[in-house]
């Protein structure tokens, strides 16, 4: 447990322009700890088995939470259980076993007290965890489909996304996104040749979730554009070479 003064000195180095990695090297404090102090500097004092119900309320492992939040907004849901409590279910395609492992790992990191199981469905695995406190961690839960109601982040969630934008983008991309290879043809020296280029797509019916994705892309310097189905926004496309390179560095294809 680091005292408050140690935490302030570490954050002062970050404010002076040092990277998290360099501050970690200089102080011997883990990068993850310094990152969490950017969300909340005071030592944790839990008075509840739920970190959001604790006084003061916090979120454990904010980087893992940012990724899990993206997965939840894309392919996740909460459902009330007959005996009380809630089930968090995130649908992961069986085509991407690495995604299933990453999803389970994020749930275990964010909610250490709970158990996680995998429920096999046709073509997909429902990564599932039970807790009465899941709505505390995902206040976007509500009746009906996400695209039929308002989806907005709470201030504490937005602070985490601001601190860990790439983890949030990765969670959304791993749920409702993909990396594909497009192709076109062009004339070169009088001969028509095939030209291939990588591209990222994110597809969601909720305009609110599309905006959360695009706003976060703006913050990390990724250029994007909207493609529409009829009058409604439907896809967010990232195709410019520099932006695709950024996405490859921090997100990458599903695996």
C-alpha atoms as a PDB file:
ATOM      1  CA  UNK A   1       0.000   0.000   0.000  1.00  0.00           C
ATOM      2  CA  UNK A   2       1.550   3.310  -1.127  1.00  0.00           C
ATOM      3  CA  UNK A   3       0.897   6.406   0.956  1.00  0.00           C
ATOM      4  CA  UNK A   4      -0.797   9.473  -0.500  1.00  0.00           C
ATOM      5  CA  UNK A   5       2.419  11.494  -0.817  1.00  0.00           C
ATOM      6  CA  UNK A   6       4.083   8.732  -2.870  1.00  0.00           C
ATOM      7  CA  UNK A   7       1.084   8.659  -5.156  1.00  0.00           C
ATOM      8  CA  UNK A   8       1.191  12.433  -5.607  1.00  0.00           C
ATOM      9  CA  UNK A   9       4.888  12.383  -6.479  1.00  0.00           C
ATOM     10  CA  UNK A  10       4.314   9.699  -9.116  1.00  0.00           C
ATOM     11  CA  UNK A  11       1.399  11.597 -10.659  1.00  0.00           C
ATOM     12  CA  UNK A  12       3.437  14.802 -10.631  1.00  0.00           C
ATOM     13  CA  UNK A  13       5.963  13.086 -12.897  1.00  0.00           C
ATOM     14  CA  UNK A  14       3.146  12.089 -15.239  1.00  0.00           C
ATOM     15  CA  UNK A  15       1.859  15.681 -15.245  1.00  0.00           C
ATOM     16  CA  UNK A  16       5.386  16.838 -16.161  1.00  0.00           C
ATOM     17  CA  UNK A  17       5.157  14.817 -19.372  1.00  0.00           C
ATOM     18  CA  UNK A  18       6.743  11.505 -18.390  1.00  0.00           C
ATOM     19  CA  UNK A  19       5.102   8.362 -19.765  1.00  0.00           C
ATOM     20  CA  UNK A  20       3.615   5.758 -17.437  1.00  0.00           C
ATOM     21  CA  UNK A  21       6.420   3.382 -18.404  1.00  0.00           C
ATOM     22  CA  UNK A  22       9.155   5.879 -17.534  1.00  0.00           C
ATOM     23  CA  UNK A  23       7.528   6.809 -14.218  1.00  0.00           C
ATOM     24  CA  UNK A  24       7.237   3.127 -13.371  1.00  0.00           C
ATOM     25  CA  UNK A  25      10.941   2.662 -14.155  1.00  0.00           C
ATOM     26  CA  UNK A  26      11.946   5.691 -12.091  1.00  0.00           C
ATOM     27  CA  UNK A  27       9.844   4.881  -9.021  1.00  0.00           C
ATOM     28  CA  UNK A  28       9.605   1.085  -9.066  1.00  0.00           C
ATOM     29  CA  UNK A  29       5.802   1.374  -8.953  1.00  0.00           C
ATOM     30  CA  UNK A  30       3.817  -0.709 -11.431  1.00  0.00           C
ATOM     31  CA  UNK A  31       2.347   1.011 -14.474  1.00  0.00           C
ATOM     32  CA  UNK A  32      -1.093  -0.407 -13.609  1.00  0.00           C
ATOM     33  CA  UNK A  33      -1.004   1.174 -10.126  1.00  0.00           C
ATOM     34  CA  UNK A  34      -0.038   4.580 -11.509  1.00  0.00           C
ATOM     35  CA  UNK A  35      -2.812   4.298 -14.087  1.00  0.00           C
ATOM     36  CA  UNK A  36      -5.375   3.532 -11.377  1.00  0.00           C
ATOM     37  CA  UNK A  37      -4.185   6.548  -9.345  1.00  0.00           C
ATOM     38  CA  UNK A  38      -5.046   8.754 -12.328  1.00  0.00           C
ATOM     39  CA  UNK A  39      -8.650   7.667 -11.801  1.00  0.00           C
ATOM     40  CA  UNK A  40      -8.573   7.880  -8.004  1.00  0.00           C
ATOM     41  CA  UNK A  41      -5.577   8.861  -5.911  1.00  0.00           C
ATOM     42  CA  UNK A  42      -6.965   8.054  -2.439  1.00  0.00           C
ATOM     43  CA  UNK A  43      -6.267   4.561  -1.033  1.00  0.00           C
ATOM     44  CA  UNK A  44      -9.218   2.205  -1.277  1.00  0.00           C
ATOM     45  CA  UNK A  45     -11.350   1.767   1.827  1.00  0.00           C
ATOM     46  CA  UNK A  46     -14.017  -0.812   1.157  1.00  0.00           C
ATOM     47  CA  UNK A  47     -17.158  -1.013   3.225  1.00  0.00           C
ATOM     48  CA  UNK A  48     -19.065  -3.276   0.815  1.00  0.00           C
ATOM     49  CA  UNK A  49     -18.494  -6.390  -1.265  1.00  0.00           C
ATOM     50  CA  UNK A  50     -19.222  -4.188  -4.306  1.00  0.00           C
ATOM     51  CA  UNK A  51     -16.572  -1.630  -5.193  1.00  0.00           C
ATOM     52  CA  UNK A  52     -19.167   0.721  -6.664  1.00  0.00           C
ATOM     53  CA  UNK A  53     -21.264   0.483  -3.489  1.00  0.00           C
ATOM     54  CA  UNK A  54     -18.180   1.000  -1.316  1.00  0.00           C
ATOM     55  CA  UNK A  55     -17.357   4.301   0.334  1.00  0.00           C
ATOM     56  CA  UNK A  56     -15.571   5.741  -1.538  1.00  0.00           C
ATOM     57  CA  UNK A  57     -16.769   4.055  -4.730  1.00  0.00           C
ATOM     58  CA  UNK A  58     -14.036   2.885  -7.096  1.00  0.00           C
ATOM     59  CA  UNK A  59     -13.584   0.507 -10.016  1.00  0.00           C
ATOM     60  CA  UNK A  60     -10.903  -2.178  -9.793  1.00  0.00           C
ATOM     61  CA  UNK A  61      -8.448  -2.597 -12.679  1.00  0.00           C
ATOM     62  CA  UNK A  62      -9.793   0.271 -14.824  1.00  0.00           C
ATOM     63  CA  UNK A  63      -7.930  -0.899 -17.942  1.00  0.00           C
ATOM     64  CA  UNK A  64      -9.710  -4.276 -17.817  1.00  0.00           C
ATOM     65  CA  UNK A  65     -12.985  -2.502 -17.069  1.00  0.00           C
ATOM     66  CA  UNK A  66     -12.618  -0.232 -20.123  1.00  0.00           C
ATOM     67  CA  UNK A  67     -12.187  -3.318 -22.323  1.00  0.00           C
ATOM     68  CA  UNK A  68     -15.096  -5.128 -20.662  1.00  0.00           C
ATOM     69  CA  UNK A  69     -17.309  -2.041 -21.021  1.00  0.00           C
ATOM     70  CA  UNK A  70     -16.685  -2.099 -24.765  1.00  0.00           C
ATOM     71  CA  UNK A  71     -17.560  -5.783 -24.942  1.00  0.00           C
ATOM     72  CA  UNK A  72     -20.733  -5.216 -22.902  1.00  0.00           C
ATOM     73  CA  UNK A  73     -21.939  -2.320 -25.057  1.00  0.00           C
ATOM     74  CA  UNK A  74     -21.366  -4.402 -28.173  1.00  0.00           C
ATOM     75  CA  UNK A  75     -22.443  -7.954 -27.408  1.00  0.00           C
ATOM     76  CA  UNK A  76     -23.332  -8.014 -23.717  1.00  0.00           C
ATOM     77  CA  UNK A  77     -26.486  -7.992 -21.641  1.00  0.00           C
ATOM     78  CA  UNK A  78     -27.634  -8.225 -18.044  1.00  0.00           C
ATOM     79  CA  UNK A  79     -30.617 -10.347 -17.074  1.00  0.00           C
ATOM     80  CA  UNK A  80     -32.381 -10.601 -13.726  1.00  0.00           C
ATOM     81  CA  UNK A  81     -32.287 -14.067 -12.172  1.00  0.00           C
ATOM     82  CA  UNK A  82     -35.312 -15.768 -10.551  1.00  0.00           C
ATOM     83  CA  UNK A  83     -33.549 -16.060  -7.176  1.00  0.00           C
ATOM     84  CA  UNK A  84     -32.173 -12.550  -7.274  1.00  0.00           C
ATOM     85  CA  UNK A  85     -29.014 -11.088  -8.696  1.00  0.00           C
ATOM     86  CA  UNK A  86     -28.046 -10.643 -12.323  1.00  0.00           C
ATOM     87  CA  UNK A  87     -26.279 -12.605 -15.013  1.00  0.00           C
ATOM     88  CA  UNK A  88     -23.759 -10.796 -17.170  1.00  0.00           C
ATOM     89  CA  UNK A  89     -23.638 -12.545 -20.540  1.00  0.00           C
ATOM     90  CA  UNK A  90     -21.293 -11.614 -23.370  1.00  0.00           C
ATOM     91  CA  UNK A  91     -21.687 -13.436 -26.666  1.00  0.00           C
ATOM     92  CA  UNK A  92     -18.356 -14.384 -28.258  1.00  0.00           C
ATOM     93  CA  UNK A  93     -18.114 -16.138 -31.617  1.00  0.00           C
ATOM     94  CA  UNK A  94     -16.508 -19.566 -31.498  1.00  0.00           C
ATOM     95  CA  UNK A  95     -14.395 -18.449 -34.464  1.00  0.00           C
ATOM     96  CA  UNK A  96     -12.321 -16.324 -32.075  1.00  0.00           C
ATOM     97  CA  UNK A  97     -11.114 -18.450 -29.109  1.00  0.00           C
ATOM     98  CA  UNK A  98      -8.638 -15.734 -28.076  1.00  0.00           C
ATOM     99  CA  UNK A  99     -11.522 -13.299 -27.701  1.00  0.00           C
ATOM    100  CA  UNK A 100     -13.364 -15.760 -25.447  1.00  0.00           C
ATOM    101  CA  UNK A 101     -10.278 -16.065 -23.220  1.00  0.00           C
ATOM    102  CA  UNK A 102      -9.775 -12.288 -23.131  1.00  0.00           C
ATOM    103  CA  UNK A 103     -13.423 -11.731 -22.204  1.00  0.00           C
ATOM    104  CA  UNK A 104     -13.280 -14.231 -19.362  1.00  0.00           C
ATOM    105  CA  UNK A 105     -10.014 -12.736 -18.131  1.00  0.00           C
ATOM    106  CA  UNK A 106     -11.482  -9.225 -18.072  1.00  0.00           C
ATOM    107  CA  UNK A 107     -14.536 -10.378 -16.090  1.00  0.00           C
ATOM    108  CA  UNK A 108     -12.366 -12.193 -13.549  1.00  0.00           C
ATOM    109  CA  UNK A 109     -10.162  -9.112 -13.151  1.00  0.00           C
ATOM    110  CA  UNK A 110     -13.025  -6.639 -12.746  1.00  0.00           C
ATOM    111  CA  UNK A 111     -15.193  -8.796 -10.481  1.00  0.00           C
ATOM    112  CA  UNK A 112     -12.710 -10.939  -8.571  1.00  0.00           C
ATOM    113  CA  UNK A 113     -15.300 -12.180  -6.072  1.00  0.00           C
ATOM    114  CA  UNK A 114     -17.529 -13.822  -8.668  1.00  0.00           C
ATOM    115  CA  UNK A 115     -17.254 -16.959 -10.758  1.00  0.00           C
ATOM    116  CA  UNK A 116     -17.235 -17.143 -14.553  1.00  0.00           C
ATOM    117  CA  UNK A 117     -18.553 -19.922 -16.765  1.00  0.00           C
ATOM    118  CA  UNK A 118     -18.874 -20.581 -20.464  1.00  0.00           C
ATOM    119  CA  UNK A 119     -22.229 -21.630 -21.890  1.00  0.00           C
ATOM    120  CA  UNK A 120     -22.082 -23.118 -25.372  1.00  0.00           C
ATOM    121  CA  UNK A 121     -24.651 -21.916 -27.882  1.00  0.00           C
ATOM    122  CA  UNK A 122     -24.912 -22.533 -31.597  1.00  0.00           C
ATOM    123  CA  UNK A 123     -21.887 -20.827 -33.126  1.00  0.00           C
ATOM    124  CA  UNK A 124     -20.995 -18.824 -30.036  1.00  0.00           C
ATOM    125  CA  UNK A 125     -19.992 -19.037 -26.400  1.00  0.00           C
ATOM    126  CA  UNK A 126     -21.821 -17.018 -23.764  1.00  0.00           C
ATOM    127  CA  UNK A 127     -19.209 -15.940 -21.219  1.00  0.00           C
ATOM    128  CA  UNK A 128     -21.349 -15.629 -18.106  1.00  0.00           C
ATOM    129  CA  UNK A 129     -20.941 -14.349 -14.551  1.00  0.00           C
ATOM    130  CA  UNK A 130     -23.502 -13.907 -11.772  1.00  0.00           C
ATOM    131  CA  UNK A 131     -23.646 -11.076  -9.235  1.00  0.00           C
ATOM    132  CA  UNK A 132     -26.264  -8.808  -7.716  1.00  0.00           C
ATOM    133  CA  UNK A 133     -23.870  -5.911  -8.317  1.00  0.00           C
ATOM    134  CA  UNK A 134     -23.437  -6.062 -12.107  1.00  0.00           C
ATOM    135  CA  UNK A 135     -25.896  -3.160 -12.607  1.00  0.00           C
ATOM    136  CA  UNK A 136     -23.637  -1.067 -10.352  1.00  0.00           C
ATOM    137  CA  UNK A 137     -20.783  -1.625 -12.808  1.00  0.00           C
ATOM    138  CA  UNK A 138     -22.947  -1.314 -15.916  1.00  0.00           C
ATOM    139  CA  UNK A 139     -25.594   1.348 -15.222  1.00  0.00           C
ATOM    140  CA  UNK A 140     -26.483   1.324 -18.937  1.00  0.00           C
ATOM    141  CA  UNK A 141     -28.601  -1.759 -18.159  1.00  0.00           C
ATOM    142  CA  UNK A 142     -32.284  -1.226 -18.784  1.00  0.00           C
ATOM    143  CA  UNK A 143     -35.388  -2.706 -20.416  1.00  0.00           C
ATOM    144  CA  UNK A 144     -35.408  -3.285 -24.134  1.00  0.00           C
ATOM    145  CA  UNK A 145     -32.679  -3.274 -26.756  1.00  0.00           C
ATOM    146  CA  UNK A 146     -29.741  -0.875 -26.467  1.00  0.00           C
ATOM    147  CA  UNK A 147     -30.497   0.857 -29.766  1.00  0.00           C
ATOM    148  CA  UNK A 148     -34.050   1.613 -28.593  1.00  0.00           C
ATOM    149  CA  UNK A 149     -32.945   3.565 -25.497  1.00  0.00           C
ATOM    150  CA  UNK A 150     -30.395   6.161 -24.510  1.00  0.00           C
ATOM    151  CA  UNK A 151     -26.881   4.881 -23.845  1.00  0.00           C
ATOM    152  CA  UNK A 152     -24.684   7.379 -21.993  1.00  0.00           C
ATOM    153  CA  UNK A 153     -21.644   6.882 -19.782  1.00  0.00           C
ATOM    154  CA  UNK A 154     -21.620   7.952 -16.162  1.00  0.00           C
ATOM    155  CA  UNK A 155     -18.891  10.493 -15.270  1.00  0.00           C
ATOM    156  CA  UNK A 156     -16.799   7.814 -13.537  1.00  0.00           C
ATOM    157  CA  UNK A 157     -17.045   5.598 -16.618  1.00  0.00           C
ATOM    158  CA  UNK A 158     -16.060   8.450 -18.918  1.00  0.00           C
ATOM    159  CA  UNK A 159     -13.024   9.141 -16.726  1.00  0.00           C
ATOM    160  CA  UNK A 160     -11.911   5.540 -17.186  1.00  0.00           C
ATOM    161  CA  UNK A 161     -12.454   5.678 -20.954  1.00  0.00           C
ATOM    162  CA  UNK A 162     -10.476   8.931 -21.104  1.00  0.00           C
ATOM    163  CA  UNK A 163      -7.593   7.274 -19.244  1.00  0.00           C
ATOM    164  CA  UNK A 164      -7.749   4.000 -21.220  1.00  0.00           C
ATOM    165  CA  UNK A 165      -9.212   4.882 -24.634  1.00  0.00           C
ATOM    166  CA  UNK A 166      -7.515   2.075 -26.544  1.00  0.00           C
ATOM    167  CA  UNK A 167      -8.845  -0.602 -24.184  1.00  0.00           C
ATOM    168  CA  UNK A 168     -12.376   0.756 -24.707  1.00  0.00           C
ATOM    169  CA  UNK A 169     -11.921   0.883 -28.486  1.00  0.00           C
ATOM    170  CA  UNK A 170     -10.550  -2.654 -28.448  1.00  0.00           C
ATOM    171  CA  UNK A 171     -13.548  -3.951 -26.495  1.00  0.00           C
ATOM    172  CA  UNK A 172     -15.984  -2.367 -28.941  1.00  0.00           C
ATOM    173  CA  UNK A 173     -13.988  -3.573 -31.956  1.00  0.00           C
ATOM    174  CA  UNK A 174     -13.751  -7.107 -30.550  1.00  0.00           C
ATOM    175  CA  UNK A 175     -17.517  -7.223 -30.073  1.00  0.00           C
ATOM    176  CA  UNK A 176     -19.092  -5.436 -33.035  1.00  0.00           C
ATOM    177  CA  UNK A 177     -16.054  -4.715 -35.179  1.00  0.00           C
ATOM    178  CA  UNK A 178     -13.796  -6.444 -37.662  1.00  0.00           C
ATOM    179  CA  UNK A 179     -10.603  -5.990 -39.652  1.00  0.00           C
ATOM    180  CA  UNK A 180     -10.994  -6.924 -43.300  1.00  0.00           C
ATOM    181  CA  UNK A 181      -9.036  -6.652 -46.542  1.00  0.00           C
ATOM    182  CA  UNK A 182     -10.764  -4.577 -49.190  1.00  0.00           C
ATOM    183  CA  UNK A 183      -9.720  -4.524 -52.821  1.00  0.00           C
ATOM    184  CA  UNK A 184     -10.130  -2.354 -55.849  1.00  0.00           C
ATOM    185  CA  UNK A 185      -8.566  -2.064 -59.277  1.00  0.00           C
ATOM    186  CA  UNK A 186      -6.694   0.777 -60.918  1.00  0.00           C
ATOM    187  CA  UNK A 187      -4.775   1.445 -64.094  1.00  0.00           C
ATOM    188  CA  UNK A 188      -0.986   1.206 -63.745  1.00  0.00           C
ATOM    189  CA  UNK A 189       1.102   1.731 -66.847  1.00  0.00           C
ATOM    190  CA  UNK A 190      -1.909   1.071 -69.042  1.00  0.00           C
ATOM    191  CA  UNK A 191      -2.704  -2.196 -67.259  1.00  0.00           C
ATOM    192  CA  UNK A 192      -5.508  -2.715 -64.747  1.00  0.00           C
ATOM    193  CA  UNK A 193      -4.140  -4.138 -61.498  1.00  0.00           C
ATOM    194  CA  UNK A 194      -5.748  -5.302 -58.297  1.00  0.00           C
ATOM    195  CA  UNK A 195      -4.990  -3.236 -55.192  1.00  0.00           C
ATOM    196  CA  UNK A 196      -5.687  -4.536 -51.664  1.00  0.00           C
ATOM    197  CA  UNK A 197      -5.798  -2.548 -48.424  1.00  0.00           C
ATOM    198  CA  UNK A 198      -6.822  -3.292 -44.815  1.00  0.00           C
ATOM    199  CA  UNK A 199      -9.830  -1.641 -43.233  1.00  0.00           C
ATOM    200  CA  UNK A 200     -11.603  -1.641 -39.875  1.00  0.00           C
ATOM    201  CA  UNK A 201     -15.380  -1.635 -39.550  1.00  0.00           C
ATOM    202  CA  UNK A 202     -17.552  -1.132 -36.480  1.00  0.00           C
ATOM    203  CA  UNK A 203     -21.247  -1.913 -36.854  1.00  0.00           C
ATOM    204  CA  UNK A 204     -23.959  -1.086 -34.330  1.00  0.00           C
ATOM    205  CA  UNK A 205     -27.586   0.025 -34.531  1.00  0.00           C
ATOM    206  CA  UNK A 206     -27.291   2.399 -31.556  1.00  0.00           C
ATOM    207  CA  UNK A 207     -26.350   5.936 -32.578  1.00  0.00           C
ATOM    208  CA  UNK A 208     -25.244   6.553 -28.988  1.00  0.00           C
ATOM    209  CA  UNK A 209     -22.792   3.631 -29.058  1.00  0.00           C
ATOM    210  CA  UNK A 210     -21.538   4.648 -32.509  1.00  0.00           C
ATOM    211  CA  UNK A 211     -20.838   8.109 -31.114  1.00  0.00           C
ATOM    212  CA  UNK A 212     -19.008   6.732 -28.069  1.00  0.00           C
ATOM    213  CA  UNK A 213     -16.801   4.789 -30.468  1.00  0.00           C
ATOM    214  CA  UNK A 214     -16.165   7.667 -32.866  1.00  0.00           C
ATOM    215  CA  UNK A 215     -15.571  10.203 -30.074  1.00  0.00           C
ATOM    216  CA  UNK A 216     -12.935   7.905 -28.586  1.00  0.00           C
ATOM    217  CA  UNK A 217     -11.316   7.409 -32.000  1.00  0.00           C
ATOM    218  CA  UNK A 218     -11.045  11.201 -32.245  1.00  0.00           C
ATOM    219  CA  UNK A 219      -9.211  11.336 -28.935  1.00  0.00           C
ATOM    220  CA  UNK A 220      -6.496   8.928 -30.088  1.00  0.00           C
ATOM    221  CA  UNK A 221      -6.093  10.508 -33.525  1.00  0.00           C
ATOM    222  CA  UNK A 222      -7.824   7.887 -35.686  1.00  0.00           C
ATOM    223  CA  UNK A 223      -9.619   9.223 -38.759  1.00  0.00           C
ATOM    224  CA  UNK A 224     -12.943   7.611 -39.576  1.00  0.00           C
ATOM    225  CA  UNK A 225     -16.077   8.011 -41.630  1.00  0.00           C
ATOM    226  CA  UNK A 226     -19.672   6.837 -41.400  1.00  0.00           C
ATOM    227  CA  UNK A 227     -21.302   4.612 -43.969  1.00  0.00           C
ATOM    228  CA  UNK A 228     -25.070   4.501 -43.927  1.00  0.00           C
ATOM    229  CA  UNK A 229     -27.825   2.020 -44.575  1.00  0.00           C
ATOM    230  CA  UNK A 230     -30.627   4.182 -45.886  1.00  0.00           C
ATOM    231  CA  UNK A 231     -30.887   7.294 -43.731  1.00  0.00           C
ATOM    232  CA  UNK A 232     -29.469   5.666 -40.608  1.00  0.00           C
ATOM    233  CA  UNK A 233     -25.778   5.560 -39.613  1.00  0.00           C
ATOM    234  CA  UNK A 234     -24.696   1.958 -39.521  1.00  0.00           C
ATOM    235  CA  UNK A 235     -20.942   1.449 -39.942  1.00  0.00           C
ATOM    236  CA  UNK A 236     -17.899   3.390 -38.825  1.00  0.00           C
ATOM    237  CA  UNK A 237     -15.033   2.758 -41.206  1.00  0.00           C
ATOM    238  CA  UNK A 238     -11.303   3.322 -40.646  1.00  0.00           C
ATOM    239  CA  UNK A 239      -9.408   3.063 -43.925  1.00  0.00           C
ATOM    240  CA  UNK A 240      -6.666   5.701 -44.058  1.00  0.00           C
ATOM    241  CA  UNK A 241      -3.239   4.090 -43.916  1.00  0.00           C
ATOM    242  CA  UNK A 242      -1.975   5.988 -40.848  1.00  0.00           C
ATOM    243  CA  UNK A 243      -5.153   5.325 -38.902  1.00  0.00           C
ATOM    244  CA  UNK A 244      -5.207   1.636 -39.824  1.00  0.00           C
ATOM    245  CA  UNK A 245      -1.605   1.425 -38.605  1.00  0.00           C
ATOM    246  CA  UNK A 246      -2.668   2.918 -35.256  1.00  0.00           C
ATOM    247  CA  UNK A 247      -5.526   0.432 -34.975  1.00  0.00           C
ATOM    248  CA  UNK A 248      -3.195  -2.446 -35.852  1.00  0.00           C
ATOM    249  CA  UNK A 249      -0.788  -1.339 -33.136  1.00  0.00           C
ATOM    250  CA  UNK A 250      -3.383  -1.081 -30.375  1.00  0.00           C
ATOM    251  CA  UNK A 251      -6.313  -3.292 -31.435  1.00  0.00           C
ATOM    252  CA  UNK A 252      -5.460  -5.745 -34.198  1.00  0.00           C
ATOM    253  CA  UNK A 253      -7.704  -8.378 -35.752  1.00  0.00           C
ATOM    254  CA  UNK A 254      -9.721 -10.789 -33.661  1.00  0.00           C
ATOM    255  CA  UNK A 255      -8.029 -14.078 -32.931  1.00  0.00           C
END
